[in-house]
């Protein structure tokens, strides 16, 4: 079944990471929400921290658009589902516009923009550059003319003269409007650590940070023009899988209870995955490895990623929960663990020369290194029978 989705939408991208894209997206989302717009926020790829900030800024659930994991049909179906009952969609890309898995730019923000037929607003870090900013934007326009770059926001400008030089070059050579400019902001409104921004649940001034960001953006960015660009987005045709047309379960199993750990240590979950389990008839039971004493009575357990390294001492101190989980697994409880969740199933966690005991389900030690050991997606070959993946 095919459906046409015609909703205002805009995608924020940049020339590279650390350009201020998240700051601008949070600020624009908060400002438009204050103006009465009900926005559905989306984050490209597996970035849970930015998504949490977008969720707080707009007051609505943020969903991930991961073309690599979801495929085109799954991504479009999710997008269609979650823009219903919203005034529009606000999408934040990741890294640079054309950065993907390979030299073809597979799964890049540009590919997502084309799939959604979403107009793109580029955030340009103007530090120590003038006309070169225009040259780079012009290159992005010509690199793939199917990507609809509809505006540019200048970030980290050095003053009025600096801004004016870049504005005139962009408007003359690129033919795109400059939608605003932000000066260099010395104070870190959103503090960072080893995996990016500090999550809002761990930031004592999270709400105040969003309010300050909205104040800065509201005074410098042409929000009316951004909304006009969003409204001009063309309709997009989306196919709906037959089994989900009426929103009913595809099967009718017994109502299984699936536990999932959700606390400050483990909270990296795709909302679509949790909602899909409920669609299929499961009852979700949240629990905490930090605050609970034992695993609740469930038929299976899902442990997502998160920051066990930042809460290692507290996880280690909760001996009762660790013992309860280990005994449940040994008694046959199915557990699906990802990233930090898998670290928790190991024997130990080494952080800055301190050793913290984990559940001991598996006999391995996880080590937090000073530098990332790899980025991007990992593709594995399944070579042994298991409950989750075919050989």
Foldseek 3Di string as FASTA:
>chain_A
DKDKDQAFEAEEFEQFPPLCRLLLLLQLLLQVLVVPFQEAEEEEDQDVQSQLSSCVSRVHHYFYQYCVPQPLQRNLQVVRVRCPPGRYYYYYFHTHQQCDDDPNSPRGVQVVCLSQLHEYEYEYECPPHFLVSLVVVQCVCVVDVSHHHAEYEYEAADDDVRVVRRQVSNCVPPVHHHFWYYHDDPDDLFDADDSGTDHLVPDPCSVVSSVVSNVRCVVTGNSVVSSVSSNPRDIHMHDDPPCPPPLAASDDDPAFEEEEEDDQQFPSDRPVVVVNCVRNRYHYDYDHLQPDQADDDGQAYETEGHHCVVVLVSSLVSVRHLQRVLVCVVVPHHYHYDHNRVQLLEQWEADPNDIGGHSHNHDDYHYDDPDDPDDDDDDDDDDDDDDPDDD
